[in-house]
Amino acid sequence: MVLFMLGLFGIMLIQSEKMQTYFKENMIINVFMTDNISEEDLAKNRADILKEPFTKSLVFISKEQAARDFSLEMGQDFVSFLGYNPLMPSFLVKLNAIDNEPAKLPLIEKKLKLLRGITEVSYQQSVYILVDKNIKTIGGVLIFLASLFGLIAIVLINNTVRLNLYAQRFIIKSMQLVGATHWFIIKPFIWSSIKNGIWGWLLALAMLVTILNFLPNWIPGIENFNDSVAFAILFGGLFVVGIAISILSSWVSTKKYLNAKIEDLY
């Protein structure tokens, strides 16, 4: 159960990281251009923006396409009503997640405004700041909880092994008194701890995989934030942690009783 809870928080951390990337890479910067921009300047601007390291993707919206989209949104043909199309051609720019930080956006805006024919660079700065703040808060809480459960996992696994060896402390001492070597005595306890750790890990793994398979039924679309490689590393890490703690606890506890005096066992 301890490994299961630790794994569950690990999954939440992985998926929250993927969500952060998704939200950051789907926020749009509007780059508006003059009506009379030439095809040559338009093509050069497109190429210049695409080669920037902060650009994830770029979509060109002509003034005609902008008018059609706006008319569909408003439910009426505003161009016929006004007699002209006041909208400007634009690029919709999506940034890479690593560059989508409130502190970097003014620098990106300044660089985009240097391009020929650019009249305005628009983005919802307050939304960017709010999203960034919420993402960092949620990430911090999840990291704290995962660290807390990691500490609890270590303590509980260690205590479970120690209690098991405490019940067999007289057997350990008796084997020592009849001449058994320390390694001969410790070995079966370590092997038993390894087997228990493997069974515990397999049970936790089965429960975690079951949750991952059924989670899309409860939260549609959550499967888009799964990361098979990260999950494999997480499950492998749980195995290593569970086995390592079990072996170390068995070794330390058994050595404790081997070094203890007989009267200290009571």
Protein backbone atom coordinates (compact mmCIF):
# COMPACT_ATOMS: atom_id res chain seq x y z
CA MET A 1 0.00 0.00 0.00
CA VAL A 2 2.88 2.37 0.78
CA LEU A 3 4.48 1.80 -2.63
CA PHE A 4 1.07 2.21 -4.24
CA MET A 5 0.50 5.62 -2.64
CA LEU A 6 4.03 6.71 -3.54
CA GLY A 7 3.48 5.57 -7.13
CA LEU A 8 0.12 7.33 -7.28
CA PHE A 9 1.69 10.65 -6.35
CA GLY A 10 4.46 9.95 -8.85
CA ILE A 11 1.85 9.52 -11.59
CA MET A 12 0.18 12.77 -10.54
CA LEU A 13 3.52 14.58 -10.75
CA ILE A 14 4.22 13.21 -14.23
CA GLN A 15 0.77 14.08 -15.53
CA SER A 16 0.85 17.55 -13.96
CA GLU A 17 4.17 18.20 -15.72
CA LYS A 18 2.65 17.12 -19.04
CA MET A 19 -0.36 19.37 -18.37
CA GLN A 20 1.94 22.32 -17.69
CA THR A 21 3.67 21.75 -21.02
CA TYR A 22 0.33 21.40 -22.83
CA PHE A 23 -1.13 24.62 -21.44
CA LYS A 24 2.04 26.62 -22.03
CA GLU A 25 2.42 25.38 -25.60
CA ASN A 26 -1.21 26.14 -26.50
CA MET A 27 -1.31 29.77 -25.41
CA ILE A 28 -1.27 32.11 -28.41
CA ILE A 29 0.56 35.32 -29.23
CA ASN A 30 -1.13 37.38 -31.98
CA VAL A 31 1.28 39.15 -34.33
CA PHE A 32 -0.66 41.69 -36.44
CA MET A 33 0.64 43.13 -39.71
CA THR A 34 -0.22 46.02 -41.97
CA ASP A 35 -2.85 45.58 -44.69
CA ASN A 36 -0.41 46.33 -47.48
CA ILE A 37 2.40 44.01 -46.40
CA SER A 38 4.05 42.44 -49.43
CA GLU A 39 4.19 38.70 -50.07
CA GLU A 40 7.96 38.92 -49.83
CA ASP A 41 7.89 40.52 -46.38
CA LEU A 42 5.17 38.11 -45.28
CA ALA A 43 7.26 35.10 -46.30
CA LYS A 44 10.37 36.58 -44.66
CA ASN A 45 8.50 37.25 -41.40
CA ARG A 46 7.16 33.69 -41.40
CA ALA A 47 10.66 32.27 -41.90
CA ASP A 48 12.21 34.56 -39.29
CA ILE A 49 9.61 33.67 -36.64
CA LEU A 50 9.82 29.93 -37.34
CA LYS A 51 13.59 29.88 -36.93
CA GLU A 52 13.40 31.53 -33.51
CA PRO A 53 14.14 29.00 -30.72
CA PHE A 54 11.04 30.10 -28.78
CA THR A 55 8.61 29.22 -31.62
CA LYS A 56 6.73 25.92 -31.44
CA SER A 57 4.29 26.59 -34.28
CA LEU A 58 2.93 29.39 -36.44
CA VAL A 59 -0.33 29.84 -38.37
CA PHE A 60 -1.03 32.67 -40.82
CA ILE A 61 -4.50 34.22 -40.73
CA SER A 62 -5.35 36.45 -43.69
CA LYS A 63 -7.65 39.43 -43.17
CA GLU A 64 -10.34 37.57 -45.17
CA GLN A 65 -10.04 34.49 -42.96
CA ALA A 66 -10.11 36.72 -39.86
CA ALA A 67 -13.32 38.36 -41.13
CA ARG A 68 -14.95 34.97 -41.76
CA ASP A 69 -13.99 33.69 -38.31
CA PHE A 70 -15.22 36.88 -36.63
CA SER A 71 -18.51 36.78 -38.56
CA LEU A 72 -19.12 33.19 -37.45
CA GLU A 73 -18.38 34.18 -33.88
CA MET A 74 -20.68 37.22 -33.99
CA GLY A 75 -23.41 35.49 -35.97
CA GLN A 76 -23.60 38.23 -38.62
CA ASP A 77 -21.60 39.58 -41.58
CA PHE A 78 -20.02 42.68 -40.06
CA VAL A 79 -18.07 43.43 -43.26
CA SER A 80 -21.30 44.02 -45.21
CA PHE A 81 -22.58 46.16 -42.38
CA LEU A 82 -19.41 48.32 -42.18
CA GLY A 83 -18.71 48.31 -45.89
CA TYR A 84 -15.08 47.34 -45.38
CA ASN A 85 -12.90 44.85 -43.49
CA PRO A 86 -11.08 46.56 -40.59
CA LEU A 87 -9.22 43.43 -39.53
CA MET A 88 -5.54 42.90 -40.23
CA PRO A 89 -3.60 39.80 -41.32
CA SER A 90 -1.79 38.11 -38.46
CA PHE A 91 0.33 35.22 -37.30
CA LEU A 92 -0.84 33.03 -34.43
CA VAL A 93 2.35 32.03 -32.65
CA LYS A 94 2.61 29.25 -30.07
CA LEU A 95 5.71 29.14 -27.88
CA ASN A 96 7.75 26.25 -26.56
CA ALA A 97 6.89 25.56 -22.93
CA ILE A 98 10.38 26.43 -21.68
CA ASP A 99 10.11 29.92 -23.22
CA ASN A 100 6.55 30.60 -22.13
CA GLU A 101 7.47 32.44 -18.94
CA PRO A 102 6.08 35.87 -17.91
CA ALA A 103 9.63 37.23 -17.57
CA LYS A 104 10.53 36.18 -21.15
CA LEU A 105 7.38 37.39 -22.91
CA PRO A 106 8.33 41.12 -23.08
CA LEU A 107 11.65 40.16 -24.72
CA ILE A 108 9.83 37.96 -27.25
CA GLU A 109 7.33 40.76 -27.92
CA LYS A 110 10.15 43.24 -28.50
CA LYS A 111 11.90 40.88 -30.93
CA LEU A 112 8.69 40.27 -32.91
CA LYS A 113 7.98 44.00 -33.20
CA LEU A 114 11.32 44.48 -34.97
CA LEU A 115 10.06 42.52 -38.01
CA ARG A 116 9.02 44.47 -41.10
CA GLY A 117 5.33 45.37 -41.33
CA ILE A 118 4.43 44.32 -37.76
CA THR A 119 1.97 46.76 -36.18
CA GLU A 120 1.11 45.03 -32.90
CA VAL A 121 2.02 42.01 -30.78
CA SER A 122 -0.85 40.99 -28.52
CA TYR A 123 -1.18 38.45 -25.74
CA GLN A 124 -3.14 38.25 -22.49
CA GLN A 125 -0.38 39.03 -20.04
CA SER A 126 -2.59 38.65 -16.94
CA VAL A 127 -3.69 35.18 -18.09
CA TYR A 128 -0.08 34.13 -18.70
CA ILE A 129 0.92 35.32 -15.23
CA LEU A 130 -2.07 33.60 -13.58
CA VAL A 131 -1.48 30.30 -15.37
CA ASP A 132 2.23 30.37 -14.51
CA LYS A 133 1.47 31.11 -10.86
CA ASN A 134 -1.13 28.34 -10.56
CA ILE A 135 1.12 25.82 -12.30
CA LYS A 136 3.99 26.54 -9.92
CA THR A 137 1.70 26.36 -6.88
CA ILE A 138 0.17 23.02 -7.88
CA GLY A 139 3.59 21.62 -8.79
CA GLY A 140 5.03 22.69 -5.43
CA VAL A 141 2.16 21.06 -3.51
CA LEU A 142 2.51 17.80 -5.44
CA ILE A 143 6.28 17.70 -4.93
CA PHE A 144 5.80 18.29 -1.19
CA LEU A 145 3.20 15.51 -0.93
CA ALA A 146 5.32 13.10 -2.97
CA SER A 147 8.34 13.83 -0.75
CA LEU A 148 6.21 13.33 2.36
CA PHE A 149 4.89 9.99 1.15
CA GLY A 150 8.40 8.97 0.15
CA LEU A 151 9.56 9.57 3.71
CA ILE A 152 6.53 7.70 5.09
CA ALA A 153 7.26 4.80 2.72
CA ILE A 154 10.84 4.52 3.98
CA VAL A 155 9.74 4.62 7.64
CA LEU A 156 6.90 2.08 7.23
CA ILE A 157 8.92 -0.43 5.19
CA ASN A 158 11.78 -0.15 7.66
CA ASN A 159 9.48 -0.64 10.66
CA THR A 160 7.74 -3.62 9.04
CA VAL A 161 11.07 -5.38 8.46
CA ARG A 162 12.32 -4.53 11.95
CA LEU A 163 9.15 -5.91 13.60
CA ASN A 164 9.47 -9.13 11.63
CA LEU A 165 13.08 -9.56 12.76
CA TYR A 166 12.22 -8.59 16.33
CA ALA A 167 9.87 -11.58 16.49
CA GLN A 168 12.77 -13.82 15.44
CA ARG A 169 15.53 -12.24 17.52
CA PHE A 170 15.96 -15.36 19.69
CA ILE A 171 16.34 -17.56 16.60
CA ILE A 172 19.01 -15.18 15.29
CA LYS A 173 20.91 -15.32 18.58
CA SER A 174 20.56 -19.11 18.86
CA MET A 175 22.07 -19.59 15.40
CA GLN A 176 24.96 -17.36 16.39
CA LEU A 177 25.57 -19.32 19.60
CA VAL A 178 25.82 -22.64 17.73
CA GLY A 179 28.55 -21.19 15.50
CA ALA A 180 26.74 -19.91 12.38
CA THR A 181 28.52 -17.07 10.57
CA HIS A 182 26.91 -13.65 10.35
CA TRP A 183 26.33 -13.94 6.60
CA PHE A 184 24.77 -17.40 6.98
CA ILE A 185 22.31 -15.93 9.50
CA ILE A 186 21.59 -12.69 7.64
CA LYS A 187 21.17 -14.22 4.17
CA PRO A 188 17.74 -15.89 4.62
CA PHE A 189 16.30 -12.76 6.22
CA ILE A 190 17.54 -10.60 3.36
CA TRP A 191 16.14 -13.04 0.81
CA SER A 192 12.80 -13.07 2.61
CA SER A 193 12.74 -9.26 2.60
CA ILE A 194 13.52 -9.22 -1.13
CA LYS A 195 10.64 -11.60 -1.85
CA ASN A 196 8.26 -9.54 0.26
CA GLY A 197 9.47 -6.38 -1.51
CA ILE A 198 8.89 -7.94 -4.94
CA TRP A 199 5.38 -9.08 -4.02
CA GLY A 200 4.58 -5.66 -2.59
CA TRP A 201 5.90 -3.99 -5.75
CA LEU A 202 3.91 -6.31 -8.02
CA LEU A 203 0.72 -5.60 -6.08
CA ALA A 204 1.35 -1.83 -6.21
CA LEU A 205 2.17 -2.08 -9.94
CA ALA A 206 -1.06 -3.96 -10.68
CA MET A 207 -3.13 -1.37 -8.80
CA LEU A 208 -1.39 1.57 -10.51
CA VAL A 209 -1.78 0.07 -14.01
CA THR A 210 -5.46 -0.62 -13.28
CA ILE A 211 -6.00 3.00 -12.26
CA LEU A 212 -4.20 4.26 -15.39
CA ASN A 213 -6.43 2.07 -17.57
CA PHE A 214 -9.70 3.15 -15.91
CA LEU A 215 -8.81 6.82 -15.27
CA PRO A 216 -9.93 7.99 -18.77
CA ASN A 217 -13.44 6.71 -17.95
CA TRP A 218 -13.58 9.09 -14.98
CA ILE A 219 -11.57 12.00 -16.45
CA PRO A 220 -11.92 12.07 -20.28
CA GLY A 221 -8.77 13.19 -22.07
CA ILE A 222 -6.42 12.48 -19.13
CA GLU A 223 -4.74 9.78 -21.24
CA ASN A 224 -3.26 12.55 -23.41
CA PHE A 225 -1.01 13.48 -20.50
CA ASN A 226 0.39 9.98 -19.97
CA ASP A 227 4.12 9.43 -20.54
CA SER A 228 5.05 5.77 -21.00
CA VAL A 229 8.79 6.36 -20.59
CA ALA A 230 8.33 8.40 -17.39
CA PHE A 231 5.91 5.79 -16.02
CA ALA A 232 8.42 3.00 -16.74
CA ILE A 233 11.13 4.95 -14.90
CA LEU A 234 8.71 5.56 -11.99
CA PHE A 235 7.77 1.87 -11.69
CA GLY A 236 11.42 0.87 -11.91
CA GLY A 237 12.27 3.43 -9.23
CA LEU A 238 9.56 2.04 -6.94
CA PHE A 239 11.04 -1.45 -7.36
CA VAL A 240 14.56 -0.28 -6.56
CA VAL A 241 13.43 1.80 -3.56
CA GLY A 242 11.28 -0.99 -2.11
CA ILE A 243 13.99 -3.64 -2.46
CA ALA A 244 16.83 -1.37 -1.29
CA ILE A 245 15.00 -0.31 1.88
CA SER A 246 14.05 -3.92 2.64
CA ILE A 247 17.63 -5.18 2.22
CA LEU A 248 19.15 -2.35 4.23
CA SER A 249 16.60 -2.69 7.05
CA SER A 250 17.12 -6.47 7.21
CA TRP A 251 20.89 -6.08 7.31
CA VAL A 252 20.90 -3.37 10.00
CA SER A 253 18.28 -5.06 12.20
CA THR A 254 19.88 -8.50 11.98
CA LYS A 255 23.32 -7.09 12.79
CA LYS A 256 21.77 -5.30 15.74
CA TYR A 257 20.58 -8.56 17.28
CA LEU A 258 23.81 -10.37 16.42
CA ASN A 259 25.82 -7.74 18.28
CA ALA A 260 23.41 -7.56 21.21
CA LYS A 261 23.91 -9.36 24.49
CA ILE A 262 21.48 -12.13 25.38
CA GLU A 263 19.99 -10.15 28.31
CA ASP A 264 19.29 -7.23 25.94
CA LEU A 265 16.91 -9.39 23.90
CA TYR A 266 14.33 -9.54 26.67
